[in-house]
Structures are given as structure tokens and as C-alpha cells.
Amino acid sequence: MILIVLSAVLLLVVGGCACVVWAARGGPPWTRAVATATLAAGELVRSGGRRGGGGGGESDGSSDG
């Protein structure tokens, strides 16, 4: 069951990425709508990982001088 769900999510992600590329090259209006939704979902996923953090940026223990 989990394999079916993950496969469906993967297909949605690949389809969304294809629509982003197609819309950037001047595709039909529906691709622009799907591309906008895909980019918005990506921003939500990216910002969702920063909820519990304190300061900005990644810390790997190294310094620049």
C-alpha cells in the first residue's frame, strides 16, 4: 500500500516538474497553473523544514577565516 502512495507522489512530482519546464517554454495556460501550484508546494515544503530552527543558514562547524 505504501508503495502505491509513494509511486503516486513521485508521478505527481515528476509531472509538476515537467509542467514547470513546459510553462517556461511557453506552454498552454493550464501548464502555467500547474507550474504555479508546483512551485508554491515546493516553497511550502522548503519552508516547512525551518519551523523548529533558530537562526538562519546551515551550520556545519566550519568558519571562513
PDB file of N, CA and C in Angstrom:
ATOM      1  N   MET A   1       0.831  -1.204   0.000  1.00  0.00           N
ATOM      2  CA  MET A   1       0.000   0.000   0.000  1.00  0.00           C
ATOM      3  C   MET A   1       0.865   1.254   0.000  1.00  0.00           C
ATOM      4  N   ILE A   2       1.921   1.252   0.831  1.00  0.00           N
ATOM      5  CA  ILE A   2       2.788   2.427   0.900  1.00  0.00           C
ATOM      6  C   ILE A   2       3.506   2.637  -0.427  1.00  0.00           C
ATOM      7  N   LEU A   3       3.799   1.538  -1.137  1.00  0.00           N
ATOM      8  CA  LEU A   3       4.458   1.639  -2.437  1.00  0.00           C
ATOM      9  C   LEU A   3       3.565   2.339  -3.455  1.00  0.00           C
ATOM     10  N   ILE A   4       2.285   2.083  -3.392  1.00  0.00           N
ATOM     11  CA  ILE A   4       1.338   2.731  -4.306  1.00  0.00           C
ATOM     12  C   ILE A   4       1.263   4.227  -4.018  1.00  0.00           C
ATOM     13  N   VAL A   5       1.212   4.587  -2.745  1.00  0.00           N
ATOM     14  CA  VAL A   5       1.144   6.001  -2.360  1.00  0.00           C
ATOM     15  C   VAL A   5       2.420   6.737  -2.778  1.00  0.00           C
ATOM     16  N   LEU A   6       3.569   6.129  -2.516  1.00  0.00           N
ATOM     17  CA  LEU A   6       4.830   6.767  -2.890  1.00  0.00           C
ATOM     18  C   LEU A   6       4.980   6.881  -4.402  1.00  0.00           C
ATOM     19  N   SER A   7       4.506   5.885  -5.128  1.00  0.00           N
ATOM     20  CA  SER A   7       4.545   5.952  -6.595  1.00  0.00           C
ATOM     21  C   SER A   7       3.660   7.076  -7.120  1.00  0.00           C
ATOM     22  N   ALA A   8       2.493   7.248  -6.512  1.00  0.00           N
ATOM     23  CA  ALA A   8       1.598   8.324  -6.926  1.00  0.00           C
ATOM     24  C   ALA A   8       2.217   9.692  -6.642  1.00  0.00           C
ATOM     25  N   VAL A   9       2.849   9.836  -5.483  1.00  0.00           N
ATOM     26  CA  VAL A   9       3.511  11.102  -5.146  1.00  0.00           C
ATOM     27  C   VAL A   9       4.656  11.375  -6.122  1.00  0.00           C
ATOM     28  N   LEU A  10       5.418  10.341  -6.448  1.00  0.00           N
ATOM     29  CA  LEU A  10       6.514  10.505  -7.400  1.00  0.00           C
ATOM     30  C   LEU A  10       6.002  10.930  -8.766  1.00  0.00           C
ATOM     31  N   LEU A  11       4.915  10.330  -9.224  1.00  0.00           N
ATOM     32  CA  LEU A  11       4.337  10.726 -10.511  1.00  0.00           C
ATOM     33  C   LEU A  11       3.853  12.174 -10.497  1.00  0.00           C
ATOM     34  N   LEU A  12       3.259  12.600  -9.383  1.00  0.00           N
ATOM     35  CA  LEU A  12       2.815  13.992  -9.274  1.00  0.00           C
ATOM     36  C   LEU A  12       3.996  14.962  -9.307  1.00  0.00           C
ATOM     37  N   VAL A  13       5.064  14.599  -8.630  1.00  0.00           N
ATOM     38  CA  VAL A  13       6.247  15.469  -8.605  1.00  0.00           C
ATOM     39  C   VAL A  13       6.873  15.568  -9.988  1.00  0.00           C
ATOM     40  N   VAL A  14       7.040  14.441 -10.658  1.00  0.00           N
ATOM     41  CA  VAL A  14       7.634  14.446 -11.998  1.00  0.00           C
ATOM     42  C   VAL A  14       6.739  15.205 -12.974  1.00  0.00           C
ATOM     43  N   GLY A  15       5.434  14.996 -12.879  1.00  0.00           N
ATOM     44  CA  GLY A  15       4.507  15.727 -13.741  1.00  0.00           C
ATOM     45  C   GLY A  15       4.535  17.228 -13.476  1.00  0.00           C
ATOM     46  N   GLY A  16       4.633  17.598 -12.212  1.00  0.00           N
ATOM     47  CA  GLY A  16       4.714  19.023 -11.872  1.00  0.00           C
ATOM     48  C   GLY A  16       5.987  19.665 -12.405  1.00  0.00           C
ATOM     49  N   CYS A  17       7.098  18.946 -12.281  1.00  0.00           N
ATOM     50  CA  CYS A  17       8.367  19.473 -12.802  1.00  0.00           C
ATOM     51  C   CYS A  17       8.319  19.610 -14.318  1.00  0.00           C
ATOM     52  N   ALA A  18       7.705  18.650 -14.976  1.00  0.00           N
ATOM     53  CA  ALA A  18       7.565  18.731 -16.433  1.00  0.00           C
ATOM     54  C   ALA A  18       6.719  19.940 -16.826  1.00  0.00           C
ATOM     55  N   CYS A  19       5.678  20.222 -16.060  1.00  0.00           N
ATOM     56  CA  CYS A  19       4.837  21.385 -16.349  1.00  0.00           C
ATOM     57  C   CYS A  19       5.584  22.691 -16.108  1.00  0.00           C
ATOM     58  N   VAL A  20       6.461  22.722 -15.115  1.00  0.00           N
ATOM     59  CA  VAL A  20       7.261  23.927 -14.869  1.00  0.00           C
ATOM     60  C   VAL A  20       8.152  24.210 -16.078  1.00  0.00           C
ATOM     61  N   VAL A  21       8.801  23.174 -16.590  1.00  0.00           N
ATOM     62  CA  VAL A  21       9.673  23.348 -17.758  1.00  0.00           C
ATOM     63  C   VAL A  21       8.851  23.732 -18.984  1.00  0.00           C
ATOM     64  N   TRP A  22       7.744  23.056 -19.194  1.00  0.00           N
ATOM     65  CA  TRP A  22       6.902  23.320 -20.350  1.00  0.00           C
ATOM     66  C   TRP A  22       6.320  24.731 -20.304  1.00  0.00           C
ATOM     67  N   ALA A  23       5.893  25.170 -19.124  1.00  0.00           N
ATOM     68  CA  ALA A  23       5.342  26.519 -18.990  1.00  0.00           C
ATOM     69  C   ALA A  23       6.418  27.574 -19.224  1.00  0.00           C
ATOM     70  N   ALA A  24       7.655  27.285 -18.799  1.00  0.00           N
ATOM     71  CA  ALA A  24       8.742  28.235 -19.017  1.00  0.00           C
ATOM     72  C   ALA A  24       9.045  28.398 -20.502  1.00  0.00           C
ATOM     73  N   ARG A  25       8.736  27.393 -21.278  1.00  0.00           N
ATOM     74  CA  ARG A  25       8.972  27.452 -22.726  1.00  0.00           C
ATOM     75  C   ARG A  25       7.744  27.919 -23.486  1.00  0.00           C
ATOM     76  N   GLY A  26       6.721  28.371 -22.787  1.00  0.00           N
ATOM     77  CA  GLY A  26       5.547  28.942 -23.440  1.00  0.00           C
ATOM     78  C   GLY A  26       4.454  27.933 -23.707  1.00  0.00           C
ATOM     79  N   GLY A  27       4.213  27.046 -22.792  1.00  0.00           N
ATOM     80  CA  GLY A  27       3.171  26.041 -22.960  1.00  0.00           C
ATOM     81  C   GLY A  27       1.774  26.632 -22.825  1.00  0.00           C
ATOM     82  N   PRO A  28       0.770  25.778 -22.916  1.00  0.00           N
ATOM     83  CA  PRO A  28      -0.618  26.242 -22.784  1.00  0.00           C
ATOM     84  C   PRO A  28      -0.903  26.784 -21.381  1.00  0.00           C
ATOM     85  N   PRO A  29      -1.983  27.519 -21.241  1.00  0.00           N
ATOM     86  CA  PRO A  29      -2.289  28.152 -19.949  1.00  0.00           C
ATOM     87  C   PRO A  29      -2.418  27.173 -18.781  1.00  0.00           C
ATOM     88  N   TRP A  30      -2.915  25.964 -19.007  1.00  0.00           N
ATOM     89  CA  TRP A  30      -3.079  25.032 -17.896  1.00  0.00           C
ATOM     90  C   TRP A  30      -1.730  24.604 -17.340  1.00  0.00           C
ATOM     91  N   THR A  31      -0.678  24.601 -18.181  1.00  0.00           N
ATOM     92  CA  THR A  31       0.642  24.239 -17.649  1.00  0.00           C
ATOM     93  C   THR A  31       1.164  25.323 -16.723  1.00  0.00           C
ATOM     94  N   ARG A  32       0.805  26.569 -17.002  1.00  0.00           N
ATOM     95  CA  ARG A  32       1.223  27.663 -16.114  1.00  0.00           C
ATOM     96  C   ARG A  32       0.551  27.552 -14.761  1.00  0.00           C
ATOM     97  N   ALA A  33      -0.708  27.128 -14.758  1.00  0.00           N
ATOM     98  CA  ALA A  33      -1.423  26.941 -13.490  1.00  0.00           C
ATOM     99  C   ALA A  33      -0.807  25.800 -12.683  1.00  0.00           C
ATOM    100  N   VAL A  34      -0.498  24.689 -13.352  1.00  0.00           N
ATOM    101  CA  VAL A  34       0.110  23.554 -12.663  1.00  0.00           C
ATOM    102  C   VAL A  34       1.512  23.919 -12.185  1.00  0.00           C
ATOM    103  N   ALA A  35       2.252  24.672 -13.005  1.00  0.00           N
ATOM    104  CA  ALA A  35       3.600  25.085 -12.624  1.00  0.00           C
ATOM    105  C   ALA A  35       3.557  26.000 -11.397  1.00  0.00           C
ATOM    106  N   THR A  36       2.609  26.900 -11.351  1.00  0.00           N
ATOM    107  CA  THR A  36       2.464  27.785 -10.196  1.00  0.00           C
ATOM    108  C   THR A  36       2.153  26.988  -8.937  1.00  0.00           C
ATOM    109  N   ALA A  37       1.251  26.014  -9.062  1.00  0.00           N
ATOM    110  CA  ALA A  37       0.916  25.175  -7.909  1.00  0.00           C
ATOM    111  C   ALA A  37       2.120  24.342  -7.470  1.00  0.00           C
ATOM    112  N   THR A  38       2.896  23.845  -8.431  1.00  0.00           N
ATOM    113  CA  THR A  38       4.075  23.044  -8.102  1.00  0.00           C
ATOM    114  C   THR A  38       5.121  23.878  -7.386  1.00  0.00           C
ATOM    115  N   LEU A  39       5.367  25.074  -7.882  1.00  0.00           N
ATOM    116  CA  LEU A  39       6.359  25.947  -7.245  1.00  0.00           C
ATOM    117  C   LEU A  39       5.903  26.379  -5.849  1.00  0.00           C
ATOM    118  N   ALA A  40       4.604  26.635  -5.696  1.00  0.00           N
ATOM    119  CA  ALA A  40       4.083  27.004  -4.375  1.00  0.00           C
ATOM    120  C   ALA A  40       4.209  25.833  -3.394  1.00  0.00           C
ATOM    121  N   ALA A  41       3.928  24.623  -3.855  1.00  0.00           N
ATOM    122  CA  ALA A  41       4.073  23.450  -2.991  1.00  0.00           C
ATOM    123  C   ALA A  41       5.536  23.245  -2.609  1.00  0.00           C
ATOM    124  N   GLY A  42       6.434  23.490  -3.540  1.00  0.00           N
ATOM    125  CA  GLY A  42       7.860  23.379  -3.237  1.00  0.00           C
ATOM    126  C   GLY A  42       8.302  24.374  -2.183  1.00  0.00           C
ATOM    127  N   GLU A  43       7.788  25.587  -2.270  1.00  0.00           N
ATOM    128  CA  GLU A  43       8.114  26.603  -1.263  1.00  0.00           C
ATOM    129  C   GLU A  43       7.575  26.200   0.113  1.00  0.00           C
ATOM    130  N   LEU A  44       6.365  25.636   0.143  1.00  0.00           N
ATOM    131  CA  LEU A  44       5.800  25.195   1.416  1.00  0.00           C
ATOM    132  C   LEU A  44       6.628  24.070   2.026  1.00  0.00           C
ATOM    133  N   VAL A  45       7.061  23.140   1.202  1.00  0.00           N
ATOM    134  CA  VAL A  45       7.878  22.034   1.705  1.00  0.00           C
ATOM    135  C   VAL A  45       9.220  22.554   2.200  1.00  0.00           C
ATOM    136  N   ARG A  46       9.809  23.473   1.436  1.00  0.00           N
ATOM    137  CA  ARG A  46      11.106  24.026   1.822  1.00  0.00           C
ATOM    138  C   ARG A  46      11.018  24.823   3.118  1.00  0.00           C
ATOM    139  N   SER A  47       9.973  25.628   3.286  1.00  0.00           N
ATOM    140  CA  SER A  47       9.836  26.432   4.495  1.00  0.00           C
ATOM    141  C   SER A  47       9.358  25.591   5.677  1.00  0.00           C
ATOM    142  N   GLY A  48       8.741  24.458   5.423  1.00  0.00           N
ATOM    143  CA  GLY A  48       8.263  23.586   6.496  1.00  0.00           C
ATOM    144  C   GLY A  48       9.390  23.004   7.320  1.00  0.00           C
ATOM    145  N   GLY A  49      10.562  22.826   6.731  1.00  0.00           N
ATOM    146  CA  GLY A  49      11.693  22.282   7.454  1.00  0.00           C
ATOM    147  C   GLY A  49      12.358  23.294   8.363  1.00  0.00           C
ATOM    148  N   ARG A  50      12.024  24.554   8.223  1.00  0.00           N
ATOM    149  CA  ARG A  50      12.659  25.621   9.011  1.00  0.00           C
ATOM    150  C   ARG A  50      11.837  26.043  10.210  1.00  0.00           C
ATOM    151  N   ARG A  51      10.715  25.399  10.473  1.00  0.00           N
ATOM    152  CA  ARG A  51       9.835  25.816  11.564  1.00  0.00           C
ATOM    153  C   ARG A  51      10.506  25.762  12.926  1.00  0.00           C
ATOM    154  N   GLY A  52      11.159  24.663  13.239  1.00  0.00           N
ATOM    155  CA  GLY A  52      11.708  24.480  14.568  1.00  0.00           C
ATOM    156  C   GLY A  52      13.080  25.089  14.756  1.00  0.00           C
ATOM    157  N   GLY A  53      13.661  25.656  13.713  1.00  0.00           N
ATOM    158  CA  GLY A  53      15.023  26.170  13.794  1.00  0.00           C
ATOM    159  C   GLY A  53      15.106  27.519  14.462  1.00  0.00           C
ATOM    160  N   GLY A  54      16.301  27.872  14.855  1.00  0.00           N
ATOM    161  CA  GLY A  54      16.537  29.180  15.456  1.00  0.00           C
ATOM    162  C   GLY A  54      16.986  30.174  14.409  1.00  0.00           C
ATOM    163  N   GLY A  55      18.313  30.329  14.262  1.00  0.00           N
ATOM    164  CA  GLY A  55      18.860  31.271  13.301  1.00  0.00           C
ATOM    165  C   GLY A  55      18.818  30.737  11.889  1.00  0.00           C
ATOM    166  N   GLY A  56      19.062  31.627  10.946  1.00  0.00           N
ATOM    167  CA  GLY A  56      19.054  31.224   9.551  1.00  0.00           C
ATOM    168  C   GLY A  56      20.364  30.599   9.131  1.00  0.00           C
ATOM    169  N   GLY A  57      20.344  29.908   8.014  1.00  0.00           N
ATOM    170  CA  GLY A  57      21.561  29.313   7.469  1.00  0.00           C
ATOM    171  C   GLY A  57      21.877  27.966   8.076  1.00  0.00           C
ATOM    172  N   GLU A  58      22.760  27.272   7.390  1.00  0.00           N
ATOM    173  CA  GLU A  58      23.172  25.952   7.876  1.00  0.00           C
ATOM    174  C   GLU A  58      24.485  26.072   8.619  1.00  0.00           C
ATOM    175  N   SER A  59      24.630  25.288   9.661  1.00  0.00           N
ATOM    176  CA  SER A  59      25.853  25.309  10.436  1.00  0.00           C
ATOM    177  C   SER A  59      26.516  23.941  10.363  1.00  0.00           C
ATOM    178  N   ASP A  60      27.733  23.904   9.778  1.00  0.00           N
ATOM    179  CA  ASP A  60      28.439  22.648   9.693  1.00  0.00           C
ATOM    180  C   ASP A  60      29.715  22.652  10.534  1.00  0.00           C
ATOM    181  N   GLY A  61      29.879  23.676  11.342  1.00  0.00           N
ATOM    182  CA  GLY A  61      31.039  23.733  12.226  1.00  0.00           C
ATOM    183  C   GLY A  61      32.260  24.398  11.636  1.00  0.00           C
ATOM    184  N   SER A  62      32.211  24.738  10.354  1.00  0.00           N
ATOM    185  CA  SER A  62      33.367  25.374   9.743  1.00  0.00           C
ATOM    186  C   SER A  62      33.206  26.893   9.767  1.00  0.00           C
ATOM    187  N   SER A  63      34.332  27.600   9.618  1.00  0.00           N
ATOM    188  CA  SER A  63      34.275  29.050   9.577  1.00  0.00           C
ATOM    189  C   SER A  63      35.102  29.551   8.397  1.00  0.00           C
ATOM    190  N   ASP A  64      34.820  30.754   7.973  1.00  0.00           N
ATOM    191  CA  ASP A  64      35.510  31.331   6.813  1.00  0.00           C
ATOM    192  C   ASP A  64      36.634  32.277   7.246  1.00  0.00           C
ATOM    193  N   GLY A  65      37.477  31.888   8.129  1.00  0.00           N
ATOM    194  CA  GLY A  65      38.618  32.728   8.425  1.00  0.00           C
ATOM    195  C   GLY A  65      38.705  33.193   9.764  1.00  0.00           C
TER     196      GLY A  65
END
